[in-house]
Amino acid sequence: MPEVIRVKALGRHLLKDPFLNKGTAFTAEERRAFHIEGRLPPRIETLDEQIERQYEQYSACKTNLEKYVFLRELQDYNRILYYSLVKHHLEEMLPIVYTPTVGEAIQEFSHIYREPRGLVVTESNYRDLDDILSTYSGTTKLAVVTDAEGILGIGDQGFGGIAICIGKLTLYSLAAGIRPIETLPVLFDFGTNNKKLLEDPFYLGVRQPRTRGAKYYEMIDAFVTAFKKRFPEATIQWEDLSKSTAFEVLGRYQDTIPSFNDDIQGTGAMALGGLIAATDQGKKLTEQVFLVSGAGAGGIGVASQIMHGLMHFGLTQEEAKERIYVLDSRGLVLSDRPGLEHYKLPFAHDRDKLIGWSYATENPNMMDTIRNAKVTALMGLSGQGGSFNQRVIEAVMENTPTPIVFALSNPTDLTEVLPKDAICWSDGAAIVATGSPFDPVEWKGKTYQIGQGNNTFVFPGIGWGVIACGASKINQEMMTAAAIALSTQVTAARLAEGAVFPPIAKLETVTQVVAKAVSDAAFKSGVAVHTPEYAEAYLAKPNWQPVYPIFVPDND
Protein backbone atom coordinates (compact mmCIF):
# COMPACT_ATOMS: atom_id res chain seq x y z
CA MET A 1 0.00 0.00 0.00
CA PRO A 2 1.52 3.37 -0.99
CA GLU A 3 2.44 5.79 1.77
CA VAL A 4 -0.06 8.61 2.38
CA ILE A 5 1.46 12.03 3.09
CA ARG A 6 -0.01 15.46 3.76
CA VAL A 7 1.17 18.20 1.39
CA LYS A 8 0.87 21.98 1.67
CA ALA A 9 2.38 22.98 -1.70
CA LEU A 10 -0.02 23.98 -4.48
CA GLY A 11 0.17 24.70 -8.20
CA ARG A 12 3.58 25.49 -9.67
CA HIS A 13 5.23 25.23 -6.24
CA LEU A 14 4.27 21.55 -6.14
CA LEU A 15 5.45 20.90 -9.70
CA LYS A 16 8.79 22.63 -9.02
CA ASP A 17 9.57 20.60 -5.89
CA PRO A 18 11.60 17.55 -7.01
CA PHE A 19 10.85 15.73 -3.76
CA LEU A 20 7.09 16.00 -4.40
CA ASN A 21 6.69 16.27 -8.16
CA LYS A 22 5.07 13.27 -9.87
CA GLY A 23 4.82 14.83 -13.33
CA THR A 24 2.32 12.97 -15.50
CA ALA A 25 1.63 10.48 -12.67
CA PHE A 26 -0.50 12.90 -10.61
CA THR A 27 -3.97 11.39 -10.34
CA ALA A 28 -7.09 13.25 -11.41
CA GLU A 29 -8.01 13.78 -7.73
CA GLU A 30 -4.55 15.17 -6.93
CA ARG A 31 -4.63 17.49 -9.95
CA ARG A 32 -7.86 19.04 -8.74
CA ALA A 33 -6.94 19.11 -5.04
CA PHE A 34 -3.56 20.77 -5.60
CA HIS A 35 -4.56 23.22 -8.33
CA ILE A 36 -2.49 21.65 -11.10
CA GLU A 37 -5.37 20.66 -13.39
CA GLY A 38 -4.57 21.99 -16.87
CA ARG A 39 -0.83 22.36 -16.11
CA LEU A 40 0.00 18.80 -17.21
CA PRO A 41 -0.66 16.60 -20.25
CA PRO A 42 -4.16 15.06 -19.99
CA ARG A 43 -2.89 11.49 -19.94
CA ILE A 44 -2.26 10.06 -16.47
CA GLU A 45 0.69 7.65 -16.47
CA THR A 46 1.91 5.02 -14.09
CA LEU A 47 5.45 5.17 -12.73
CA ASP A 48 6.38 2.19 -14.94
CA GLU A 49 5.15 4.04 -18.03
CA GLN A 50 7.18 7.10 -17.06
CA ILE A 51 10.26 4.91 -16.62
CA GLU A 52 9.87 3.49 -20.12
CA ARG A 53 9.69 6.98 -21.62
CA GLN A 54 12.69 8.22 -19.65
CA TYR A 55 14.72 5.16 -20.58
CA GLU A 56 13.97 5.77 -24.26
CA GLN A 57 15.26 9.33 -23.90
CA TYR A 58 18.28 8.18 -21.91
CA SER A 59 19.16 5.58 -24.54
CA ALA A 60 19.11 8.26 -27.23
CA CYS A 61 21.97 10.13 -25.55
CA LYS A 62 25.13 9.69 -27.61
CA THR A 63 27.86 9.92 -24.94
CA ASN A 64 28.19 8.88 -21.31
CA LEU A 65 28.48 12.53 -20.28
CA GLU A 66 25.18 13.28 -22.05
CA LYS A 67 23.63 10.38 -20.16
CA TYR A 68 24.98 11.78 -16.89
CA VAL A 69 23.51 15.22 -17.63
CA PHE A 70 20.17 13.66 -18.57
CA LEU A 71 19.97 11.77 -15.29
CA ARG A 72 21.00 14.80 -13.24
CA GLU A 73 18.28 16.90 -14.87
CA LEU A 74 15.74 14.19 -14.12
CA GLN A 75 16.95 14.07 -10.51
CA ASP A 76 16.46 17.83 -10.22
CA TYR A 77 12.95 17.54 -11.66
CA ASN A 78 11.52 14.39 -10.06
CA ARG A 79 13.49 12.50 -7.41
CA ILE A 80 11.28 9.39 -7.30
CA LEU A 81 11.26 8.93 -11.07
CA TYR A 82 15.05 9.36 -11.15
CA TYR A 83 15.71 6.79 -8.43
CA SER A 84 13.19 4.36 -9.84
CA LEU A 85 14.72 4.59 -13.32
CA VAL A 86 18.25 4.00 -12.02
CA LYS A 87 17.06 1.15 -9.81
CA HIS A 88 15.40 -0.58 -12.80
CA HIS A 89 18.65 -0.30 -14.80
CA LEU A 90 21.22 -0.34 -11.99
CA GLU A 91 23.99 -2.35 -13.64
CA GLU A 92 23.77 -0.21 -16.77
CA MET A 93 23.49 3.16 -15.03
CA LEU A 94 25.80 2.75 -12.04
CA PRO A 95 28.89 3.50 -14.18
CA ILE A 96 27.13 6.71 -15.27
CA VAL A 97 25.99 8.12 -11.92
CA TYR A 98 29.16 6.85 -10.20
CA THR A 99 32.53 5.52 -11.36
CA PRO A 100 33.82 6.04 -14.01
CA THR A 101 31.61 8.65 -15.78
CA VAL A 102 31.24 10.82 -12.68
CA GLY A 103 34.96 11.61 -13.03
CA GLU A 104 34.35 13.27 -16.41
CA ALA A 105 31.25 15.00 -15.03
CA ILE A 106 33.28 16.46 -12.16
CA GLN A 107 35.87 17.85 -14.55
CA GLU A 108 33.14 19.45 -16.68
CA PHE A 109 30.85 20.38 -13.81
CA SER A 110 30.87 24.16 -14.27
CA HIS A 111 30.03 23.67 -17.96
CA ILE A 112 27.12 21.26 -17.33
CA TYR A 113 25.78 22.98 -14.20
CA ARG A 114 21.98 23.09 -13.98
CA GLU A 115 20.51 23.33 -10.46
CA PRO A 116 21.96 24.05 -6.98
CA ARG A 117 22.40 21.07 -4.67
CA GLY A 118 23.57 20.63 -1.10
CA LEU A 119 25.73 22.95 0.99
CA VAL A 120 28.84 24.81 -0.15
CA VAL A 121 31.10 26.01 2.67
CA THR A 122 33.51 28.83 1.82
CA GLU A 123 35.87 31.18 3.60
CA SER A 124 33.24 33.90 3.31
CA ASN A 125 30.35 31.95 4.89
CA TYR A 126 31.81 29.45 7.37
CA ARG A 127 31.20 31.77 10.33
CA ASP A 128 27.50 31.86 9.41
CA LEU A 129 26.94 28.09 9.22
CA ASP A 130 24.75 28.00 12.30
CA ASP A 131 22.27 30.35 10.61
CA ILE A 132 22.67 28.73 7.19
CA LEU A 133 21.97 25.22 8.45
CA SER A 134 18.95 26.41 10.42
CA THR A 135 17.20 26.81 7.06
CA TYR A 136 17.89 23.18 6.04
CA SER A 137 15.59 20.24 6.67
CA GLY A 138 15.64 18.98 10.25
CA THR A 139 15.69 15.34 9.10
CA THR A 140 19.21 15.01 7.70
CA LYS A 141 20.71 11.68 8.80
CA LEU A 142 23.72 11.48 6.54
CA ALA A 143 26.13 13.85 4.81
CA VAL A 144 28.83 13.06 2.28
CA VAL A 145 31.49 15.74 2.64
CA THR A 146 34.48 16.57 0.43
CA ASP A 147 37.05 19.29 -0.14
CA ALA A 148 37.50 17.89 -3.69
CA GLU A 149 41.30 17.86 -3.60
CA GLY A 150 41.79 14.12 -4.15
CA ILE A 151 39.06 13.08 -6.62
CA LEU A 152 39.09 9.67 -8.31
CA GLY A 153 42.71 9.78 -9.45
CA ILE A 154 42.08 13.13 -11.18
CA GLY A 155 43.13 15.23 -8.21
CA ASP A 156 42.01 18.74 -7.31
CA GLN A 157 38.65 19.51 -8.94
CA GLY A 158 37.39 22.40 -6.85
CA PHE A 159 33.66 23.13 -6.99
CA GLY A 160 33.00 20.18 -9.30
CA GLY A 161 33.72 17.82 -6.43
CA ILE A 162 30.17 18.16 -5.14
CA ALA A 163 29.17 15.78 -7.95
CA ILE A 164 30.92 12.90 -6.18
CA CYS A 165 28.86 13.60 -3.05
CA ILE A 166 25.65 13.61 -5.10
CA GLY A 167 26.61 10.31 -6.72
CA LYS A 168 27.45 8.61 -3.41
CA LEU A 169 24.17 9.74 -1.85
CA THR A 170 22.24 8.34 -4.81
CA LEU A 171 23.59 4.93 -3.83
CA TYR A 172 22.68 5.41 -0.18
CA SER A 173 19.08 5.96 -1.21
CA LEU A 174 18.98 3.13 -3.75
CA ALA A 175 20.86 0.48 -1.77
CA ALA A 176 20.09 1.40 1.85
CA GLY A 177 16.70 3.05 1.46
CA ILE A 178 17.75 6.30 3.12
CA ARG A 179 15.29 8.97 2.05
CA PRO A 180 16.88 11.47 -0.36
CA ILE A 181 15.54 14.33 1.74
CA GLU A 182 17.49 12.92 4.71
CA THR A 183 20.83 13.22 2.89
CA LEU A 184 23.06 16.24 2.31
CA PRO A 185 25.99 16.67 -0.11
CA VAL A 186 28.56 19.09 1.30
CA LEU A 187 31.49 20.76 -0.47
CA PHE A 188 34.28 22.66 1.24
CA ASP A 189 35.26 25.15 -1.46
CA PHE A 190 38.43 26.60 0.03
CA GLY A 191 39.91 27.44 -3.37
CA THR A 192 41.72 25.28 -5.91
CA ASN A 193 45.26 24.82 -7.17
CA ASN A 194 44.01 23.47 -10.48
CA LYS A 195 45.32 26.00 -13.01
CA LYS A 196 42.89 24.85 -15.68
CA LEU A 197 39.93 25.62 -13.43
CA LEU A 198 41.30 28.97 -12.32
CA GLU A 199 41.70 30.00 -15.96
CA ASP A 200 38.30 28.67 -17.06
CA PRO A 201 35.90 31.61 -17.58
CA PHE A 202 32.94 29.37 -16.69
CA TYR A 203 34.40 28.00 -13.45
CA LEU A 204 31.84 28.47 -10.66
CA GLY A 205 34.05 27.91 -7.62
CA VAL A 206 36.24 30.14 -5.49
CA ARG A 207 39.00 31.59 -7.68
CA GLN A 208 41.99 31.52 -5.36
CA PRO A 209 44.68 29.05 -4.29
CA ARG A 210 43.61 26.54 -1.66
CA THR A 211 43.54 27.65 1.93
CA ARG A 212 45.63 25.35 4.09
CA GLY A 213 46.97 25.00 7.62
CA ALA A 214 45.24 26.33 10.72
CA LYS A 215 42.63 28.26 8.72
CA TYR A 216 41.59 25.07 6.88
CA TYR A 217 40.90 23.25 10.14
CA GLU A 218 39.23 26.31 11.66
CA MET A 219 36.66 26.22 8.85
CA ILE A 220 36.09 22.48 9.11
CA ASP A 221 35.76 22.79 12.90
CA ALA A 222 33.06 25.40 12.32
CA PHE A 223 31.20 23.08 9.97
CA VAL A 224 31.36 20.04 12.27
CA THR A 225 30.19 22.12 15.24
CA ALA A 226 27.26 23.66 13.35
CA PHE A 227 26.33 20.39 11.64
CA LYS A 228 26.30 18.42 14.90
CA LYS A 229 24.21 21.11 16.58
CA ARG A 230 21.63 21.09 13.80
CA PHE A 231 21.69 17.32 13.14
CA PRO A 232 22.90 15.71 16.38
CA GLU A 233 22.26 12.11 15.24
CA ALA A 234 23.66 12.44 11.72
CA THR A 235 26.65 10.56 10.27
CA ILE A 236 29.41 12.03 8.08
CA GLN A 237 31.18 10.23 5.26
CA TRP A 238 34.41 12.04 4.38
CA GLU A 239 35.17 11.74 0.70
CA ASP A 240 38.10 12.48 -1.63
CA LEU A 241 40.16 14.67 0.67
CA SER A 242 43.84 14.83 -0.25
CA LYS A 243 46.11 12.30 1.42
CA SER A 244 47.78 15.17 3.29
CA THR A 245 44.52 15.95 5.12
CA ALA A 246 42.39 12.80 4.92
CA PHE A 247 44.05 11.03 7.86
CA GLU A 248 44.20 14.19 9.96
CA VAL A 249 40.51 15.00 9.41
CA LEU A 250 39.49 11.41 10.16
CA GLY A 251 41.42 11.35 13.43
CA ARG A 252 40.35 14.84 14.41
CA TYR A 253 36.61 14.14 14.36
CA GLN A 254 36.13 10.39 14.76
CA ASP A 255 35.40 10.79 18.48
CA THR A 256 33.33 13.95 17.98
CA ILE A 257 30.76 12.75 15.49
CA PRO A 258 30.08 9.31 13.92
CA SER A 259 32.17 9.55 10.77
CA PHE A 260 34.37 7.55 8.44
CA ASN A 261 36.50 8.17 5.38
CA ASP A 262 35.34 6.11 2.44
CA ASP A 263 38.66 6.37 0.58
CA ILE A 264 40.55 5.02 3.59
CA GLN A 265 38.13 2.77 5.47
CA GLY A 266 35.56 1.99 2.80
CA THR A 267 38.24 1.00 0.29
CA GLY A 268 39.96 -1.06 2.96
CA ALA A 269 36.78 -2.93 3.92
CA MET A 270 35.91 -3.56 0.28
CA ALA A 271 39.40 -4.91 -0.53
CA LEU A 272 39.53 -7.12 2.56
CA GLY A 273 36.10 -8.51 1.70
CA GLY A 274 37.38 -9.56 -1.72
CA LEU A 275 40.54 -11.04 -0.23
CA ILE A 276 38.59 -13.10 2.29
CA ALA A 277 36.42 -14.46 -0.52
CA ALA A 278 39.53 -15.18 -2.62
CA THR A 279 41.24 -17.13 0.19
CA ASP A 280 38.56 -19.69 1.04
CA GLN A 281 36.65 -17.33 3.34
CA GLY A 282 39.86 -16.24 5.05
CA LYS A 283 41.20 -19.70 5.82
CA LYS A 284 44.23 -19.01 3.63
CA LEU A 285 44.44 -15.25 4.19
CA THR A 286 47.27 -15.56 6.71
CA GLU A 287 49.34 -17.50 4.16
CA GLN A 288 49.50 -14.55 1.74
CA VAL A 289 52.18 -11.89 1.38
CA PHE A 290 50.75 -8.57 0.18
CA LEU A 291 52.27 -5.83 -1.91
CA VAL A 292 50.20 -2.63 -1.75
CA SER A 293 51.18 -0.36 -4.63
CA GLY A 294 50.17 3.18 -3.73
CA ALA A 295 50.48 4.86 -0.34
CA GLY A 296 47.73 7.44 -0.53
CA ALA A 297 44.45 7.30 1.35
CA GLY A 298 43.28 4.20 -0.51
CA GLY A 299 46.56 2.31 -0.31
CA ILE A 300 47.12 2.93 3.38
CA GLY A 301 43.45 2.18 4.04
CA VAL A 302 43.80 -1.19 2.32
CA ALA A 303 47.06 -1.97 4.13
CA SER A 304 45.45 -1.08 7.47
CA GLN A 305 42.39 -3.22 6.85
CA ILE A 306 44.49 -6.15 5.66
CA MET A 307 46.46 -5.91 8.90
CA HIS A 308 43.29 -6.02 10.97
CA GLY A 309 41.98 -8.86 8.84
CA LEU A 310 45.13 -10.90 9.43
CA MET A 311 44.83 -10.21 13.14
CA HIS A 312 41.17 -11.26 13.08
CA PHE A 313 42.26 -14.57 11.56
CA GLY A 314 44.90 -15.20 14.20
CA LEU A 315 48.12 -13.30 13.57
CA THR A 316 49.70 -10.85 15.98
CA GLN A 317 50.10 -7.26 14.82
CA GLU A 318 53.83 -7.78 14.24
CA GLU A 319 53.22 -10.99 12.31
CA ALA A 320 50.62 -9.21 10.19
CA LYS A 321 52.97 -6.32 9.43
CA GLU A 322 55.63 -8.77 8.21
CA ARG A 323 53.21 -9.85 5.47
CA ILE A 324 52.36 -6.35 4.19
CA TYR A 325 54.71 -4.30 1.98
CA VAL A 326 53.67 -0.81 0.90
CA LEU A 327 55.25 0.93 -2.09
CA ASP A 328 54.97 4.58 -3.06
CA SER A 329 56.60 6.56 -5.87
CA ARG A 330 60.01 6.18 -4.18
CA GLY A 331 59.83 2.42 -3.75
CA LEU A 332 59.32 0.29 -0.66
CA VAL A 333 58.36 2.37 2.36
CA LEU A 334 61.19 2.04 4.91
CA SER A 335 61.37 3.51 8.39
CA ASP A 336 64.71 5.30 7.87
CA ARG A 337 63.39 7.50 5.07
CA PRO A 338 63.78 11.20 5.99
CA GLY A 339 60.50 13.07 6.33
CA LEU A 340 58.34 9.95 6.11
CA GLU A 341 54.66 10.87 6.35
CA HIS A 342 53.06 9.87 9.65
CA TYR A 343 50.31 7.79 8.04
CA LYS A 344 52.89 5.54 6.34
CA LEU A 345 54.82 4.83 9.54
CA PRO A 346 52.73 1.82 10.72
CA PHE A 347 53.70 -0.03 7.51
CA ALA A 348 57.32 1.09 7.19
CA HIS A 349 59.76 -1.80 7.42
CA ASP A 350 63.15 -1.50 9.10
CA ARG A 351 66.05 -1.72 6.69
CA ASP A 352 67.98 -4.06 8.97
CA LYS A 353 65.21 -6.64 8.50
CA LEU A 354 65.95 -6.73 4.76
CA ILE A 355 69.21 -8.58 5.35
CA GLY A 356 69.53 -11.14 2.58
CA TRP A 357 67.47 -9.08 0.15
CA SER A 358 68.97 -8.24 -3.22
CA TYR A 359 68.20 -4.78 -4.60
CA ALA A 360 70.24 -2.25 -6.55
CA THR A 361 68.67 1.08 -5.63
CA GLU A 362 68.33 2.90 -2.30
CA ASN A 363 64.80 1.55 -1.78
CA PRO A 364 63.65 -1.79 -3.18
CA ASN A 365 61.33 -1.35 -6.15
CA MET A 366 58.28 -3.42 -7.06
CA MET A 367 60.19 -6.30 -8.66
CA ASP A 368 62.72 -6.35 -5.81
CA THR A 369 59.93 -6.57 -3.24
CA ILE A 370 58.02 -9.29 -5.09
CA ARG A 371 61.09 -11.49 -5.38
CA ASN A 372 62.61 -10.91 -1.95
CA ALA A 373 59.41 -10.88 0.12
CA LYS A 374 57.83 -13.72 -1.89
CA VAL A 375 54.71 -11.64 -2.64
CA THR A 376 51.57 -13.60 -3.53
CA ALA A 377 48.96 -10.80 -3.70
CA LEU A 378 49.15 -7.52 -5.62
CA MET A 379 46.94 -4.65 -4.45
CA GLY A 380 46.91 -1.81 -6.98
CA LEU A 381 45.94 1.64 -5.67
CA SER A 382 48.63 3.73 -7.33
CA GLY A 383 46.74 5.25 -10.23
CA GLN A 384 49.62 4.11 -12.45
CA GLY A 385 48.01 2.46 -15.45
CA GLY A 386 49.79 -0.66 -16.65
CA SER A 387 52.21 -0.84 -13.72
CA PHE A 388 51.41 -4.53 -13.13
CA ASN A 389 53.09 -5.62 -16.37
CA GLN A 390 53.88 -9.10 -17.62
CA ARG A 391 57.19 -9.28 -15.74
CA VAL A 392 55.39 -8.37 -12.49
CA ILE A 393 52.66 -10.98 -12.92
CA GLU A 394 55.14 -13.68 -13.85
CA ALA A 395 57.34 -12.78 -10.86
CA VAL A 396 54.39 -13.24 -8.48
CA MET A 397 53.65 -16.60 -10.12
CA GLU A 398 57.09 -17.77 -9.06
CA ASN A 399 55.86 -17.44 -5.46
CA THR A 400 52.36 -18.94 -5.79
CA PRO A 401 50.35 -20.96 -8.32
CA THR A 402 47.31 -18.68 -7.80
CA PRO A 403 48.37 -15.03 -7.66
CA ILE A 404 45.83 -12.52 -6.37
CA VAL A 405 45.73 -9.41 -8.56
CA PHE A 406 43.49 -6.54 -7.44
CA ALA A 407 43.89 -3.59 -9.83
CA LEU A 408 41.67 -1.15 -7.97
CA SER A 409 42.64 2.26 -9.37
CA ASN A 410 39.96 4.30 -11.12
CA PRO A 411 39.04 5.37 -13.74
CA THR A 412 39.57 2.62 -16.32
CA ASP A 413 42.68 4.09 -17.97
CA LEU A 414 44.47 4.14 -14.60
CA THR A 415 43.93 0.47 -13.78
CA GLU A 416 47.22 -1.26 -12.99
CA VAL A 417 46.55 -4.15 -15.36
CA LEU A 418 43.83 -5.07 -17.81
CA PRO A 419 42.02 -8.25 -16.70
CA LYS A 420 42.59 -9.97 -20.05
CA ASP A 421 46.34 -9.41 -19.71
CA ALA A 422 46.53 -10.68 -16.12
CA ILE A 423 44.61 -13.82 -17.09
CA CYS A 424 46.67 -14.36 -20.25
CA TRP A 425 50.04 -13.84 -18.53
CA SER A 426 49.07 -16.21 -15.70
CA ASP A 427 47.49 -18.75 -18.07
CA GLY A 428 44.17 -18.32 -16.29
CA ALA A 429 45.57 -18.87 -12.78
CA ALA A 430 45.30 -15.30 -11.43
CA ILE A 431 42.39 -14.24 -9.23
CA VAL A 432 41.59 -10.85 -10.71
CA ALA A 433 39.48 -7.93 -9.50
CA THR A 434 39.32 -4.35 -10.72
CA GLY A 435 38.04 -1.03 -9.44
CA SER A 436 36.23 -0.19 -12.68
CA PRO A 437 33.77 -2.48 -14.47
CA PHE A 438 35.24 -4.78 -17.15
CA ASP A 439 33.64 -7.27 -19.51
CA PRO A 440 34.22 -11.00 -18.97
CA VAL A 441 37.45 -12.45 -20.37
CA GLU A 442 37.58 -15.50 -22.63
CA TRP A 443 40.72 -17.63 -22.24
CA LYS A 444 41.27 -21.15 -23.55
CA GLY A 445 37.60 -21.99 -23.69
CA LYS A 446 36.72 -20.60 -20.24
CA THR A 447 34.85 -17.40 -19.43
CA TYR A 448 36.24 -15.44 -16.47
CA GLN A 449 33.91 -12.99 -14.75
CA ILE A 450 35.77 -9.94 -13.47
CA GLY A 451 34.59 -8.92 -10.01
CA GLN A 452 34.39 -5.17 -9.52
CA GLY A 453 35.97 -4.04 -6.26
CA ASN A 454 33.52 -1.22 -5.78
CA ASN A 455 33.13 0.69 -2.51
CA THR A 456 29.42 0.70 -3.29
CA PHE A 457 29.34 -2.77 -1.75
CA VAL A 458 30.27 -1.41 1.68
CA PHE A 459 29.67 2.29 2.30
CA PRO A 460 25.84 2.29 2.02
CA GLY A 461 25.70 -0.62 4.47
CA ILE A 462 28.12 1.10 6.85
CA GLY A 463 25.99 4.26 6.91
CA TRP A 464 22.74 2.33 7.25
CA GLY A 465 24.12 0.18 10.06
CA VAL A 466 25.42 3.21 11.95
CA ILE A 467 22.08 4.99 11.69
CA ALA A 468 20.20 1.85 12.75
CA CYS A 469 22.17 1.32 15.96
CA GLY A 470 22.81 5.00 16.67
CA ALA A 471 26.55 4.43 16.97
CA SER A 472 28.37 7.22 18.78
CA LYS A 473 31.51 6.48 16.73
CA ILE A 474 32.65 4.18 13.95
CA ASN A 475 35.44 1.84 15.02
CA GLN A 476 37.72 -0.73 13.44
CA GLU A 477 35.58 -3.66 14.55
CA MET A 478 32.68 -2.31 12.51
CA MET A 479 34.84 -2.01 9.39
CA THR A 480 36.17 -5.55 9.71
CA ALA A 481 32.61 -6.79 10.20
CA ALA A 482 31.61 -5.02 6.97
CA ALA A 483 34.43 -6.77 5.09
CA ILE A 484 33.53 -10.22 6.40
CA ALA A 485 29.86 -9.65 5.62
CA LEU A 486 30.71 -8.65 2.06
CA SER A 487 32.76 -11.82 1.57
CA THR A 488 29.80 -14.01 2.55
CA GLN A 489 27.82 -12.67 -0.39
CA VAL A 490 30.19 -14.16 -2.98
CA THR A 491 28.68 -17.50 -3.96
CA ALA A 492 30.62 -20.65 -4.81
CA ALA A 493 29.32 -20.38 -8.37
CA ARG A 494 30.60 -16.81 -8.61
CA LEU A 495 34.01 -17.86 -7.30
CA ALA A 496 34.14 -20.70 -9.81
CA GLU A 497 33.74 -18.11 -12.55
CA GLY A 498 36.72 -16.17 -11.17
CA ALA A 499 34.90 -13.29 -9.47
CA VAL A 500 35.56 -12.46 -5.81
CA PHE A 501 32.88 -9.77 -5.51
CA PRO A 502 29.11 -10.13 -5.96
CA PRO A 503 27.38 -8.80 -9.07
CA ILE A 504 26.06 -5.24 -8.82
CA ALA A 505 22.56 -6.70 -9.24
CA LYS A 506 22.85 -8.01 -5.66
CA LEU A 507 23.66 -4.58 -4.24
CA GLU A 508 20.53 -4.22 -2.09
CA THR A 509 20.98 -7.65 -0.53
CA VAL A 510 24.68 -7.08 0.09
CA THR A 511 23.97 -3.69 1.65
CA GLN A 512 21.43 -5.15 4.07
CA VAL A 513 23.86 -7.90 5.15
CA VAL A 514 26.69 -5.40 5.62
CA ALA A 515 24.44 -3.04 7.59
CA LYS A 516 23.38 -5.82 9.95
CA ALA A 517 27.00 -6.84 10.54
CA VAL A 518 28.08 -3.24 11.20
CA SER A 519 25.21 -2.71 13.63
CA ASP A 520 25.95 -5.96 15.46
CA ALA A 521 29.63 -5.03 15.76
CA ALA A 522 28.68 -1.64 17.21
CA PHE A 523 26.60 -3.32 19.91
CA LYS A 524 29.36 -5.84 20.61
CA SER A 525 31.99 -3.11 20.95
CA GLY A 526 29.79 -0.91 23.14
CA VAL A 527 29.31 2.14 20.89
CA ALA A 528 25.63 1.62 19.99
CA VAL A 529 23.04 3.94 21.53
CA HIS A 530 19.75 2.51 20.28
CA THR A 531 18.34 -0.81 21.48
CA PRO A 532 19.02 -4.02 19.52
CA GLU A 533 15.27 -4.30 18.92
CA TYR A 534 15.16 -0.83 17.34
CA ALA A 535 18.15 -1.60 15.12
CA GLU A 536 16.71 -4.93 14.02
CA ALA A 537 13.39 -3.33 13.07
CA TYR A 538 15.15 -0.46 11.25
CA LEU A 539 17.21 -2.91 9.21
CA ALA A 540 14.37 -5.32 8.44
CA LYS A 541 13.78 -3.58 5.14
CA PRO A 542 14.79 -0.31 3.46
CA ASN A 543 13.02 2.64 5.04
CA TRP A 544 12.29 4.16 1.64
CA GLN A 545 11.58 2.93 -1.88
CA PRO A 546 11.23 5.08 -5.02
CA VAL A 547 7.46 4.75 -5.41
CA TYR A 548 4.91 7.54 -5.48
CA PRO A 549 2.99 8.19 -2.26
CA ILE A 550 -0.63 9.29 -2.18
CA PHE A 551 -1.01 13.01 -1.54
CA VAL A 552 -3.77 14.56 0.57
CA PRO A 553 -4.06 18.33 1.16
CA ASP A 554 -2.65 19.69 4.41
CA ASN A 555 -4.99 22.55 5.21
CA ASP A 556 -3.67 23.19 8.73
Foldseek 3Di string as FASTA:
>chain_A
DFFEDADAAAAVRQQQQQARHPALQQDPVRCVQRVNVPVHPPHHDFLVVVLVVLVVVLVPDDDLLSSLLSLVVNCSRHVLSSLVNCLVVVQPCLCSLAPPVLVVCLQCVLVSPDDDFFEEFEPVCLVVLLVVCVPADLQAAEEEEEQQQFPQLPGRRAPSVLSNRVSLVSLLCNQQVDDSSNYGYYYYRQATPPVVLLPDPSRDGDNDHGDDDPSVVVSVVSVLVSVCVSHVLHEYEYERYWQVCQVVVCVVCQLPFAYDYCLQLLLQLLVLLLLCLLQVNLPCLLVFAEEQEADGRNSLSNLVSSLVSNVVVPDDSVSSLLRYWYAYPVATAAPPDPPDDPSCVSNHHHPVVLVVQDDDDPHRHLLSCCQSSLGQEYHAAHLAAQQCDLVNLVSNCVSDLEGEYEQERDDPRSGNDDPQRSCVSSVNRYQYEYQYADCWHDGPRATAHHAHSYSSLADSLLSLLCSLQSFSGQDSQLSNLLSSLQQVPQDPVNVVSRYSGDDVSCSNVSSLSSSVSSNVSSVVVPRGDHDPVSSCVPSVHNPHHSGNHHYDHDPD
